[in-house]
PDB file of N, CA and C in Angstrom:
ATOM      1  N   MET A   1       2.811  23.293  21.143  1.00  0.00           N
ATOM      2  CA  MET A   1       2.177  22.228  20.385  1.00  0.00           C
ATOM      3  C   MET A   1       1.013  21.687  21.221  1.00  0.00           C
ATOM      4  N   SER A   2      -0.114  21.481  20.583  1.00  0.00           N
ATOM      5  CA  SER A   2      -1.299  21.029  21.305  1.00  0.00           C
ATOM      6  C   SER A   2      -1.188  19.548  21.663  1.00  0.00           C
ATOM      7  N   GLU A   3      -1.986  19.172  22.629  1.00  0.00           N
ATOM      8  CA  GLU A   3      -1.999  17.771  23.070  1.00  0.00           C
ATOM      9  C   GLU A   3      -2.434  16.857  21.923  1.00  0.00           C
ATOM     10  N   LEU A   4      -3.429  17.299  21.139  1.00  0.00           N
ATOM     11  CA  LEU A   4      -3.891  16.502  20.000  1.00  0.00           C
ATOM     12  C   LEU A   4      -2.763  16.290  18.993  1.00  0.00           C
ATOM     13  N   ALA A   5      -1.976  17.317  18.719  1.00  0.00           N
ATOM     14  CA  ALA A   5      -0.873  17.195  17.766  1.00  0.00           C
ATOM     15  C   ALA A   5       0.179  16.204  18.262  1.00  0.00           C
ATOM     16  N   ILE A   6       0.465  16.255  19.554  1.00  0.00           N
ATOM     17  CA  ILE A   6       1.458  15.343  20.127  1.00  0.00           C
ATOM     18  C   ILE A   6       0.981  13.895  20.015  1.00  0.00           C
ATOM     19  N   TYR A   7      -0.262  13.645  20.395  1.00  0.00           N
ATOM     20  CA  TYR A   7      -0.787  12.283  20.343  1.00  0.00           C
ATOM     21  C   TYR A   7      -1.000  11.818  18.904  1.00  0.00           C
ATOM     22  N   SER A   8      -1.291  12.734  18.009  1.00  0.00           N
ATOM     23  CA  SER A   8      -1.394  12.381  16.589  1.00  0.00           C
ATOM     24  C   SER A   8      -0.022  11.957  16.064  1.00  0.00           C
ATOM     25  N   ALA A   9       1.017  12.669  16.473  1.00  0.00           N
ATOM     26  CA  ALA A   9       2.383  12.311  16.074  1.00  0.00           C
ATOM     27  C   ALA A   9       2.765  10.941  16.630  1.00  0.00           C
ATOM     28  N   ILE A  10       2.309  10.655  17.836  1.00  0.00           N
ATOM     29  CA  ILE A  10       2.563   9.332  18.425  1.00  0.00           C
ATOM     30  C   ILE A  10       1.893   8.254  17.578  1.00  0.00           C
ATOM     31  N   MET A  11       0.664   8.520  17.127  1.00  0.00           N
ATOM     32  CA  MET A  11      -0.050   7.540  16.312  1.00  0.00           C
ATOM     33  C   MET A  11       0.625   7.343  14.957  1.00  0.00           C
ATOM     34  N   VAL A  12       1.098   8.417  14.348  1.00  0.00           N
ATOM     35  CA  VAL A  12       1.808   8.305  13.066  1.00  0.00           C
ATOM     36  C   VAL A  12       3.135   7.559  13.268  1.00  0.00           C
ATOM     37  N   SER A  13       3.798   7.809  14.392  1.00  0.00           N
ATOM     38  CA  SER A  13       5.037   7.073  14.711  1.00  0.00           C
ATOM     39  C   SER A  13       4.758   5.586  14.847  1.00  0.00           C
ATOM     40  N   SER A  14       3.625   5.262  15.443  1.00  0.00           N
ATOM     41  CA  SER A  14       3.220   3.865  15.564  1.00  0.00           C
ATOM     42  C   SER A  14       3.045   3.235  14.186  1.00  0.00           C
ATOM     43  N   SER A  15       2.480   3.993  13.271  1.00  0.00           N
ATOM     44  CA  SER A  15       2.298   3.518  11.903  1.00  0.00           C
ATOM     45  C   SER A  15       3.647   3.294  11.225  1.00  0.00           C
ATOM     46  N   LEU A  16       4.591   4.174  11.488  1.00  0.00           N
ATOM     47  CA  LEU A  16       5.943   4.021  10.934  1.00  0.00           C
ATOM     48  C   LEU A  16       6.609   2.758  11.487  1.00  0.00           C
ATOM     49  N   ILE A  17       6.487   2.526  12.777  1.00  0.00           N
ATOM     50  CA  ILE A  17       7.077   1.329  13.388  1.00  0.00           C
ATOM     51  C   ILE A  17       6.444   0.067  12.804  1.00  0.00           C
ATOM     52  N   ALA A  18       5.130   0.085  12.613  1.00  0.00           N
ATOM     53  CA  ALA A  18       4.443  -1.068  12.010  1.00  0.00           C
ATOM     54  C   ALA A  18       4.935  -1.299  10.582  1.00  0.00           C
ATOM     55  N   SER A  19       5.206  -0.232   9.870  1.00  0.00           N
ATOM     56  CA  SER A  19       5.711  -0.353   8.497  1.00  0.00           C
ATOM     57  C   SER A  19       7.110  -0.962   8.475  1.00  0.00           C
ATOM     58  N   VAL A  20       7.943  -0.554   9.406  1.00  0.00           N
ATOM     59  CA  VAL A  20       9.283  -1.147   9.529  1.00  0.00           C
ATOM     60  C   VAL A  20       9.154  -2.636   9.820  1.00  0.00           C
ATOM     61  N   SER A  21       8.230  -2.976  10.674  1.00  0.00           N
ATOM     62  CA  SER A  21       7.987  -4.379  11.008  1.00  0.00           C
ATOM     63  C   SER A  21       7.573  -5.179   9.770  1.00  0.00           C
ATOM     64  N   GLN A  22       6.723  -4.602   8.943  1.00  0.00           N
ATOM     65  CA  GLN A  22       6.298  -5.289   7.722  1.00  0.00           C
ATOM     66  C   GLN A  22       7.475  -5.516   6.775  1.00  0.00           C
ATOM     67  N   ILE A  23       8.360  -4.546   6.682  1.00  0.00           N
ATOM     68  CA  ILE A  23       9.547  -4.700   5.826  1.00  0.00           C
ATOM     69  C   ILE A  23      10.439  -5.813   6.380  1.00  0.00           C
ATOM     70  N   MET A  24      10.574  -5.860   7.703  1.00  0.00           N
ATOM     71  CA  MET A  24      11.373  -6.925   8.323  1.00  0.00           C
ATOM     72  C   MET A  24      10.790  -8.302   8.008  1.00  0.00           C
ATOM     73  N   LEU A  25       9.473  -8.431   8.066  1.00  0.00           N
ATOM     74  CA  LEU A  25       8.832  -9.710   7.756  1.00  0.00           C
ATOM     75  C   LEU A  25       9.026 -10.079   6.289  1.00  0.00           C
ATOM     76  N   LYS A  26       8.947  -9.102   5.410  1.00  0.00           N
ATOM     77  CA  LYS A  26       9.164  -9.374   3.983  1.00  0.00           C
ATOM     78  C   LYS A  26      10.605  -9.814   3.732  1.00  0.00           C
ATOM     79  N   LYS A  27      11.568  -9.144   4.387  1.00  0.00           N
ATOM     80  CA  LYS A  27      12.975  -9.535   4.260  1.00  0.00           C
ATOM     81  C   LYS A  27      13.174 -10.978   4.721  1.00  0.00           C
ATOM     82  N   SER A  28      12.538 -11.308   5.826  1.00  0.00           N
ATOM     83  CA  SER A  28      12.645 -12.661   6.366  1.00  0.00           C
ATOM     84  C   SER A  28      12.015 -13.687   5.424  1.00  0.00           C
ATOM     85  N   ALA A  29      10.919 -13.325   4.798  1.00  0.00           N
ATOM     86  CA  ALA A  29      10.229 -14.248   3.893  1.00  0.00           C
ATOM     87  C   ALA A  29      11.028 -14.515   2.624  1.00  0.00           C
ATOM     88  N   GLN A  30      11.947 -13.634   2.293  1.00  0.00           N
ATOM     89  CA  GLN A  30      12.751 -13.799   1.084  1.00  0.00           C
ATOM     90  C   GLN A  30      13.914 -14.780   1.268  1.00  0.00           C
ATOM     91  N   LYS A  31      14.148 -15.212   2.499  1.00  0.00           N
ATOM     92  CA  LYS A  31      15.259 -16.120   2.786  1.00  0.00           C
ATOM     93  C   LYS A  31      14.782 -17.571   2.787  1.00  0.00           C
ATOM     94  N   GLN A  32      15.714 -18.473   2.577  1.00  0.00           N
ATOM     95  CA  GLN A  32      15.439 -19.909   2.663  1.00  0.00           C
ATOM     96  C   GLN A  32      15.842 -20.398   4.041  1.00  0.00           C
ATOM     97  N   TYR A  33      15.023 -21.256   4.623  1.00  0.00           N
ATOM     98  CA  TYR A  33      15.293 -21.784   5.958  1.00  0.00           C
ATOM     99  C   TYR A  33      15.343 -23.305   5.916  1.00  0.00           C
ATOM    100  N   ALA A  34      16.077 -23.856   6.871  1.00  0.00           N
ATOM    101  CA  ALA A  34      16.249 -25.311   6.934  1.00  0.00           C
ATOM    102  C   ALA A  34      14.943 -26.018   7.293  1.00  0.00           C
ATOM    103  N   SER A  35      14.112 -25.386   8.113  1.00  0.00           N
ATOM    104  CA  SER A  35      12.849 -26.004   8.516  1.00  0.00           C
ATOM    105  C   SER A  35      11.786 -24.932   8.698  1.00  0.00           C
ATOM    106  N   LYS A  36      10.539 -25.386   8.785  1.00  0.00           N
ATOM    107  CA  LYS A  36       9.434 -24.455   9.021  1.00  0.00           C
ATOM    108  C   LYS A  36       9.578 -23.776  10.378  1.00  0.00           C
ATOM    109  N   LEU A  37      10.069 -24.504  11.357  1.00  0.00           N
ATOM    110  CA  LEU A  37      10.238 -23.946  12.694  1.00  0.00           C
ATOM    111  C   LEU A  37      11.249 -22.803  12.692  1.00  0.00           C
ATOM    112  N   SER A  38      12.369 -22.997  12.013  1.00  0.00           N
ATOM    113  CA  SER A  38      13.381 -21.936  11.964  1.00  0.00           C
ATOM    114  C   SER A  38      12.908 -20.746  11.126  1.00  0.00           C
ATOM    115  N   GLU A  39      11.950 -20.995  10.249  1.00  0.00           N
ATOM    116  CA  GLU A  39      11.378 -19.907   9.452  1.00  0.00           C
ATOM    117  C   GLU A  39      10.611 -18.930  10.339  1.00  0.00           C
ATOM    118  N   TYR A  40       9.956 -19.448  11.370  1.00  0.00           N
ATOM    119  CA  TYR A  40       9.144 -18.608  12.251  1.00  0.00           C
ATOM    120  C   TYR A  40       9.847 -18.213  13.548  1.00  0.00           C
ATOM    121  N   LEU A  41      10.893 -18.914  13.910  1.00  0.00           N
ATOM    122  CA  LEU A  41      11.591 -18.624  15.159  1.00  0.00           C
ATOM    123  C   LEU A  41      12.944 -17.966  14.938  1.00  0.00           C
ATOM    124  N   ASN A  42      13.074 -17.225  13.867  1.00  0.00           N
ATOM    125  CA  ASN A  42      14.337 -16.509  13.668  1.00  0.00           C
ATOM    126  C   ASN A  42      14.199 -15.105  14.265  1.00  0.00           C
ATOM    127  N   PRO A  43      15.304 -14.496  14.615  1.00  0.00           N
ATOM    128  CA  PRO A  43      15.264 -13.195  15.312  1.00  0.00           C
ATOM    129  C   PRO A  43      14.510 -12.100  14.556  1.00  0.00           C
ATOM    130  N   LEU A  44      14.628 -12.058  13.245  1.00  0.00           N
ATOM    131  CA  LEU A  44      13.963 -11.025  12.466  1.00  0.00           C
ATOM    132  C   LEU A  44      12.439 -11.105  12.601  1.00  0.00           C
ATOM    133  N   VAL A  45      11.915 -12.308  12.518  1.00  0.00           N
ATOM    134  CA  VAL A  45      10.461 -12.507  12.637  1.00  0.00           C
ATOM    135  C   VAL A  45       9.992 -12.209  14.060  1.00  0.00           C
ATOM    136  N   ILE A  46      10.724 -12.672  15.029  1.00  0.00           N
ATOM    137  CA  ILE A  46      10.335 -12.450  16.426  1.00  0.00           C
ATOM    138  C   ILE A  46      10.334 -10.952  16.746  1.00  0.00           C
ATOM    139  N   ILE A  47      11.366 -10.245  16.333  1.00  0.00           N
ATOM    140  CA  ILE A  47      11.429  -8.799  16.582  1.00  0.00           C
ATOM    141  C   ILE A  47      10.306  -8.078  15.843  1.00  0.00           C
ATOM    142  N   ALA A  48      10.030  -8.498  14.621  1.00  0.00           N
ATOM    143  CA  ALA A  48       8.960  -7.864  13.840  1.00  0.00           C
ATOM    144  C   ALA A  48       7.613  -8.014  14.543  1.00  0.00           C
ATOM    145  N   TYR A  49       7.324  -9.190  15.066  1.00  0.00           N
ATOM    146  CA  TYR A  49       6.041  -9.393  15.755  1.00  0.00           C
ATOM    147  C   TYR A  49       5.997  -8.661  17.096  1.00  0.00           C
ATOM    148  N   ILE A  50       7.127  -8.546  17.751  1.00  0.00           N
ATOM    149  CA  ILE A  50       7.177  -7.744  18.981  1.00  0.00           C
ATOM    150  C   ILE A  50       6.878  -6.284  18.655  1.00  0.00           C
ATOM    151  N   LEU A  51       7.441  -5.796  17.561  1.00  0.00           N
ATOM    152  CA  LEU A  51       7.162  -4.425  17.132  1.00  0.00           C
ATOM    153  C   LEU A  51       5.686  -4.237  16.788  1.00  0.00           C
ATOM    154  N   PHE A  52       5.086  -5.219  16.103  1.00  0.00           N
ATOM    155  CA  PHE A  52       3.654  -5.147  15.796  1.00  0.00           C
ATOM    156  C   PHE A  52       2.837  -5.030  17.078  1.00  0.00           C
ATOM    157  N   PHE A  53       3.172  -5.846  18.056  1.00  0.00           N
ATOM    158  CA  PHE A  53       2.461  -5.799  19.335  1.00  0.00           C
ATOM    159  C   PHE A  53       2.657  -4.447  20.006  1.00  0.00           C
ATOM    160  N   ALA A  54       3.870  -3.929  19.957  1.00  0.00           N
ATOM    161  CA  ALA A  54       4.157  -2.627  20.560  1.00  0.00           C
ATOM    162  C   ALA A  54       3.359  -1.517  19.883  1.00  0.00           C
ATOM    163  N   THR A  55       3.202  -1.601  18.567  1.00  0.00           N
ATOM    164  CA  THR A  55       2.439  -0.561  17.873  1.00  0.00           C
ATOM    165  C   THR A  55       0.973  -0.581  18.275  1.00  0.00           C
ATOM    166  N   THR A  56       0.462  -1.743  18.599  1.00  0.00           N
ATOM    167  CA  THR A  56      -0.912  -1.823  19.095  1.00  0.00           C
ATOM    168  C   THR A  56      -1.037  -1.074  20.413  1.00  0.00           C
ATOM    169  N   LEU A  57      -0.092  -1.289  21.301  1.00  0.00           N
ATOM    170  CA  LEU A  57      -0.118  -0.598  22.590  1.00  0.00           C
ATOM    171  C   LEU A  57       0.069   0.906  22.418  1.00  0.00           C
ATOM    172  N   ILE A  58       0.969   1.293  21.532  1.00  0.00           N
ATOM    173  CA  ILE A  58       1.209   2.717  21.286  1.00  0.00           C
ATOM    174  C   ILE A  58      -0.051   3.377  20.723  1.00  0.00           C
ATOM    175  N   SER A  59      -0.707   2.714  19.780  1.00  0.00           N
ATOM    176  CA  SER A  59      -1.933   3.262  19.196  1.00  0.00           C
ATOM    177  C   SER A  59      -3.037   3.395  20.246  1.00  0.00           C
ATOM    178  N   MET A  60      -3.156   2.400  21.090  1.00  0.00           N
ATOM    179  CA  MET A  60      -4.164   2.473  22.157  1.00  0.00           C
ATOM    180  C   MET A  60      -3.870   3.645  23.085  1.00  0.00           C
ATOM    181  N   TYR A  61      -2.609   3.872  23.376  1.00  0.00           N
ATOM    182  CA  TYR A  61      -2.210   5.000  24.218  1.00  0.00           C
ATOM    183  C   TYR A  61      -2.581   6.320  23.539  1.00  0.00           C
ATOM    184  N   ALA A  62      -2.301   6.426  22.245  1.00  0.00           N
ATOM    185  CA  ALA A  62      -2.588   7.664  21.510  1.00  0.00           C
ATOM    186  C   ALA A  62      -4.089   7.920  21.424  1.00  0.00           C
ATOM    187  N   LEU A  63      -4.882   6.866  21.399  1.00  0.00           N
ATOM    188  CA  LEU A  63      -6.330   7.028  21.298  1.00  0.00           C
ATOM    189  C   LEU A  63      -6.952   7.601  22.561  1.00  0.00           C
ATOM    190  N   LYS A  64      -6.144   7.789  23.592  1.00  0.00           N
ATOM    191  CA  LYS A  64      -6.642   8.478  24.785  1.00  0.00           C
ATOM    192  C   LYS A  64      -7.035   9.909  24.438  1.00  0.00           C
ATOM    193  N   VAL A  65      -6.356  10.490  23.447  1.00  0.00           N
ATOM    194  CA  VAL A  65      -6.594  11.889  23.069  1.00  0.00           C
ATOM    195  C   VAL A  65      -7.094  12.007  21.630  1.00  0.00           C
ATOM    196  N   VAL A  66      -6.553  11.205  20.727  1.00  0.00           N
ATOM    197  CA  VAL A  66      -6.923  11.287  19.315  1.00  0.00           C
ATOM    198  C   VAL A  66      -8.346  10.762  19.134  1.00  0.00           C
ATOM    199  N   PRO A  67      -9.207  11.534  18.471  1.00  0.00           N
ATOM    200  CA  PRO A  67     -10.569  11.046  18.224  1.00  0.00           C
ATOM    201  C   PRO A  67     -10.547   9.770  17.375  1.00  0.00           C
ATOM    202  N   LEU A  68     -11.430   8.861  17.678  1.00  0.00           N
ATOM    203  CA  LEU A  68     -11.472   7.592  16.967  1.00  0.00           C
ATOM    204  C   LEU A  68     -11.686   7.801  15.471  1.00  0.00           C
ATOM    205  N   SER A  69     -12.434   8.831  15.096  1.00  0.00           N
ATOM    206  CA  SER A  69     -12.677   9.106  13.675  1.00  0.00           C
ATOM    207  C   SER A  69     -11.398   9.541  12.952  1.00  0.00           C
ATOM    208  N   MET A  70     -10.416  10.016  13.684  1.00  0.00           N
ATOM    209  CA  MET A  70      -9.160  10.476  13.089  1.00  0.00           C
ATOM    210  C   MET A  70      -8.143   9.339  12.942  1.00  0.00           C
ATOM    211  N   SER A  71      -8.322   8.277  13.682  1.00  0.00           N
ATOM    212  CA  SER A  71      -7.371   7.171  13.704  1.00  0.00           C
ATOM    213  C   SER A  71      -7.108   6.558  12.324  1.00  0.00           C
ATOM    214  N   PRO A  72      -8.132   6.182  11.557  1.00  0.00           N
ATOM    215  CA  PRO A  72      -7.850   5.593  10.244  1.00  0.00           C
ATOM    216  C   PRO A  72      -7.136   6.552   9.293  1.00  0.00           C
ATOM    217  N   ILE A  73      -7.407   7.844   9.455  1.00  0.00           N
ATOM    218  CA  ILE A  73      -6.753   8.836   8.598  1.00  0.00           C
ATOM    219  C   ILE A  73      -5.257   8.863   8.887  1.00  0.00           C
ATOM    220  N   LEU A  74      -4.900   8.877  10.164  1.00  0.00           N
ATOM    221  CA  LEU A  74      -3.483   8.914  10.536  1.00  0.00           C
ATOM    222  C   LEU A  74      -2.782   7.596  10.200  1.00  0.00           C
ATOM    223  N   GLU A  75      -3.480   6.493  10.390  1.00  0.00           N
ATOM    224  CA  GLU A  75      -2.868   5.196  10.105  1.00  0.00           C
ATOM    225  C   GLU A  75      -2.707   4.945   8.612  1.00  0.00           C
ATOM    226  N   ALA A  76      -3.402   5.718   7.778  1.00  0.00           N
ATOM    227  CA  ALA A  76      -3.217   5.607   6.326  1.00  0.00           C
ATOM    228  C   ALA A  76      -1.809   6.006   5.918  1.00  0.00           C
ATOM    229  N   SER A  77      -1.123   6.739   6.783  1.00  0.00           N
ATOM    230  CA  SER A  77       0.266   7.101   6.496  1.00  0.00           C
ATOM    231  C   SER A  77       1.141   5.854   6.373  1.00  0.00           C
ATOM    232  N   GLY A  78       0.695   4.757   6.948  1.00  0.00           N
ATOM    233  CA  GLY A  78       1.442   3.505   6.854  1.00  0.00           C
ATOM    234  C   GLY A  78       1.635   3.037   5.417  1.00  0.00           C
ATOM    235  N   TYR A  79       0.636   3.303   4.556  1.00  0.00           N
ATOM    236  CA  TYR A  79       0.777   2.931   3.148  1.00  0.00           C
ATOM    237  C   TYR A  79       1.946   3.669   2.509  1.00  0.00           C
ATOM    238  N   ILE A  80       2.114   4.915   2.886  1.00  0.00           N
ATOM    239  CA  ILE A  80       3.222   5.715   2.350  1.00  0.00           C
ATOM    240  C   ILE A  80       4.545   5.197   2.897  1.00  0.00           C
ATOM    241  N   PHE A  81       4.580   4.948   4.203  1.00  0.00           N
ATOM    242  CA  PHE A  81       5.812   4.441   4.816  1.00  0.00           C
ATOM    243  C   PHE A  81       6.242   3.115   4.197  1.00  0.00           C
ATOM    244  N   VAL A  82       5.295   2.202   4.009  1.00  0.00           N
ATOM    245  CA  VAL A  82       5.631   0.898   3.440  1.00  0.00           C
ATOM    246  C   VAL A  82       6.167   1.056   2.025  1.00  0.00           C
ATOM    247  N   ALA A  83       5.539   1.896   1.228  1.00  0.00           N
ATOM    248  CA  ALA A  83       5.998   2.090  -0.153  1.00  0.00           C
ATOM    249  C   ALA A  83       7.410   2.673  -0.187  1.00  0.00           C
ATOM    250  N   VAL A  84       7.660   3.669   0.632  1.00  0.00           N
ATOM    251  CA  VAL A  84       8.988   4.302   0.648  1.00  0.00           C
ATOM    252  C   VAL A  84      10.038   3.338   1.198  1.00  0.00           C
ATOM    253  N   LEU A  85       9.728   2.653   2.279  1.00  0.00           N
ATOM    254  CA  LEU A  85      10.684   1.696   2.847  1.00  0.00           C
ATOM    255  C   LEU A  85      10.944   0.529   1.907  1.00  0.00           C
ATOM    256  N   SER A  86       9.924   0.085   1.173  1.00  0.00           N
ATOM    257  CA  SER A  86      10.110  -0.983   0.183  1.00  0.00           C
ATOM    258  C   SER A  86      11.030  -0.529  -0.936  1.00  0.00           C
ATOM    259  N   TYR A  87      10.864   0.712  -1.332  1.00  0.00           N
ATOM    260  CA  TYR A  87      11.725   1.275  -2.379  1.00  0.00           C
ATOM    261  C   TYR A  87      13.181   1.329  -1.900  1.00  0.00           C
ATOM    262  N   ILE A  88      13.371   1.745  -0.654  1.00  0.00           N
ATOM    263  CA  ILE A  88      14.728   1.908  -0.119  1.00  0.00           C
ATOM    264  C   ILE A  88      15.384   0.570   0.201  1.00  0.00           C
ATOM    265  N   PHE A  89      14.680  -0.288   0.954  1.00  0.00           N
ATOM    266  CA  PHE A  89      15.321  -1.502   1.472  1.00  0.00           C
ATOM    267  C   PHE A  89      15.110  -2.748   0.613  1.00  0.00           C
ATOM    268  N   LEU A  90      14.005  -2.809  -0.118  1.00  0.00           N
ATOM    269  CA  LEU A  90      13.723  -3.998  -0.924  1.00  0.00           C
ATOM    270  C   LEU A  90      13.949  -3.757  -2.411  1.00  0.00           C
ATOM    271  N   LYS A  91      14.323  -2.518  -2.747  1.00  0.00           N
ATOM    272  CA  LYS A  91      14.596  -2.134  -4.136  1.00  0.00           C
ATOM    273  C   LYS A  91      13.387  -2.364  -5.048  1.00  0.00           C
ATOM    274  N   GLU A  92      12.175  -2.197  -4.501  1.00  0.00           N
ATOM    275  CA  GLU A  92      10.964  -2.321  -5.298  1.00  0.00           C
ATOM    276  C   GLU A  92      10.719  -1.007  -6.033  1.00  0.00           C
ATOM    277  N   LYS A  93      10.231  -1.119  -7.251  1.00  0.00           N
ATOM    278  CA  LYS A  93       9.969   0.076  -8.048  1.00  0.00           C
ATOM    279  C   LYS A  93       8.589   0.637  -7.701  1.00  0.00           C
ATOM    280  N   MET A  94       8.476   1.962  -7.786  1.00  0.00           N
ATOM    281  CA  MET A  94       7.184   2.609  -7.575  1.00  0.00           C
ATOM    282  C   MET A  94       6.581   2.943  -8.931  1.00  0.00           C
ATOM    283  N   THR A  95       5.336   2.565  -9.105  1.00  0.00           N
ATOM    284  CA  THR A  95       4.648   2.869 -10.355  1.00  0.00           C
ATOM    285  C   THR A  95       4.002   4.248 -10.262  1.00  0.00           C
ATOM    286  N   LYS A  96       3.585   4.737 -11.409  1.00  0.00           N
ATOM    287  CA  LYS A  96       2.914   6.029 -11.450  1.00  0.00           C
ATOM    288  C   LYS A  96       1.623   5.987 -10.625  1.00  0.00           C
ATOM    289  N   LYS A  97       0.901   4.870 -10.690  1.00  0.00           N
ATOM    290  CA  LYS A  97      -0.342   4.723  -9.915  1.00  0.00           C
ATOM    291  C   LYS A  97      -0.062   4.780  -8.415  1.00  0.00           C
ATOM    292  N   GLN A  98       1.023   4.159  -7.982  1.00  0.00           N
ATOM    293  CA  GLN A  98       1.383   4.196  -6.565  1.00  0.00           C
ATOM    294  C   GLN A  98       1.709   5.618  -6.121  1.00  0.00           C
ATOM    295  N   LEU A  99       2.447   6.340  -6.946  1.00  0.00           N
ATOM    296  CA  LEU A  99       2.786   7.727  -6.609  1.00  0.00           C
ATOM    297  C   LEU A  99       1.532   8.593  -6.526  1.00  0.00           C
ATOM    298  N   ILE A 100       0.616   8.408  -7.468  1.00  0.00           N
ATOM    299  CA  ILE A 100      -0.644   9.153  -7.429  1.00  0.00           C
ATOM    300  C   ILE A 100      -1.423   8.787  -6.171  1.00  0.00           C
ATOM    301  N   GLY A 101      -1.446   7.503  -5.834  1.00  0.00           N
ATOM    302  CA  GLY A 101      -2.124   7.061  -4.615  1.00  0.00           C
ATOM    303  C   GLY A 101      -1.521   7.682  -3.362  1.00  0.00           C
ATOM    304  N   MET A 102      -0.201   7.767  -3.314  1.00  0.00           N
ATOM    305  CA  MET A 102       0.450   8.367  -2.147  1.00  0.00           C
ATOM    306  C   MET A 102       0.133   9.859  -2.041  1.00  0.00           C
ATOM    307  N   VAL A 103       0.086  10.532  -3.174  1.00  0.00           N
ATOM    308  CA  VAL A 103      -0.268  11.956  -3.165  1.00  0.00           C
ATOM    309  C   VAL A 103      -1.705  12.126  -2.666  1.00  0.00           C
ATOM    310  N   LEU A 104      -2.601  11.247  -3.102  1.00  0.00           N
ATOM    311  CA  LEU A 104      -3.995  11.317  -2.654  1.00  0.00           C
ATOM    312  C   LEU A 104      -4.109  11.056  -1.147  1.00  0.00           C
ATOM    313  N   ILE A 105      -3.338  10.107  -0.641  1.00  0.00           N
ATOM    314  CA  ILE A 105      -3.356   9.814   0.796  1.00  0.00           C
ATOM    315  C   ILE A 105      -2.865  11.030   1.578  1.00  0.00           C
ATOM    316  N   ILE A 106      -1.751  11.596   1.155  1.00  0.00           N
ATOM    317  CA  ILE A 106      -1.212  12.777   1.845  1.00  0.00           C
ATOM    318  C   ILE A 106      -2.211  13.924   1.785  1.00  0.00           C
ATOM    319  N   THR A 107      -2.819  14.123   0.623  1.00  0.00           N
ATOM    320  CA  THR A 107      -3.823  15.183   0.488  1.00  0.00           C
ATOM    321  C   THR A 107      -4.986  14.944   1.432  1.00  0.00           C
ATOM    322  N   GLY A 108      -5.444  13.710   1.512  1.00  0.00           N
ATOM    323  CA  GLY A 108      -6.546  13.379   2.417  1.00  0.00           C
ATOM    324  C   GLY A 108      -6.193  13.641   3.875  1.00  0.00           C
ATOM    325  N   ILE A 109      -4.989  13.273   4.259  1.00  0.00           N
ATOM    326  CA  ILE A 109      -4.547  13.512   5.650  1.00  0.00           C
ATOM    327  C   ILE A 109      -4.504  15.006   5.940  1.00  0.00           C
ATOM    328  N   VAL A 110      -3.962  15.779   5.001  1.00  0.00           N
ATOM    329  CA  VAL A 110      -3.867  17.232   5.195  1.00  0.00           C
ATOM    330  C   VAL A 110      -5.255  17.866   5.270  1.00  0.00           C
ATOM    331  N   VAL A 111      -6.128  17.504   4.349  1.00  0.00           N
ATOM    332  CA  VAL A 111      -7.485  18.068   4.334  1.00  0.00           C
ATOM    333  C   VAL A 111      -8.214  17.722   5.620  1.00  0.00           C
ATOM    334  N   TYR A 112      -8.118  16.478   6.060  1.00  0.00           N
ATOM    335  CA  TYR A 112      -8.793  16.069   7.279  1.00  0.00           C
ATOM    336  C   TYR A 112      -8.201  16.791   8.493  1.00  0.00           C
ATOM    337  N   SER A 113      -6.893  16.990   8.485  1.00  0.00           N
ATOM    338  CA  SER A 113      -6.225  17.648   9.608  1.00  0.00           C
ATOM    339  C   SER A 113      -6.620  19.115   9.724  1.00  0.00           C
ATOM    340  N   LEU A 114      -6.974  19.749   8.622  1.00  0.00           N
ATOM    341  CA  LEU A 114      -7.390  21.149   8.657  1.00  0.00           C
ATOM    342  C   LEU A 114      -8.674  21.329   9.453  1.00  0.00           C
ATOM    343  N   LYS A 115      -9.439  20.254   9.547  1.00  0.00           N
ATOM    344  CA  LYS A 115     -10.688  20.274  10.323  1.00  0.00           C
ATOM    345  C   LYS A 115     -10.415  20.462  11.811  1.00  0.00           C
ATOM    346  N   PHE A 116      -9.260  19.980  12.254  1.00  0.00           N
ATOM    347  CA  PHE A 116      -8.902  20.055  13.667  1.00  0.00           C
ATOM    348  C   PHE A 116      -8.012  21.227  13.845  1.00  0.00           C
TER     349      PHE A 116
END
């Protein structure tokens, strides 16, 4: 496996972790809290923001090898991860437009990847 493929996988993994973090924040937002302070200082929110920060560091690490022009293409996978995780954990329905959008994103990633 080439170095570019490994670092690209690291960047996509970072996108997956960020998507998990977004689902955690949405889960937390669906709950009622006694005060505004407890709304922001609960373990779910704190862990989610730590994960967001970690994904920034992971992405910066991956950009040592991944061309900057490729970064937005790989991070677009996050839209797919969020949609799938929302369907699984939040029981949100996927519309036909969302499915078409996900197919277009995957197609774009594949087409762009063929260049490398």
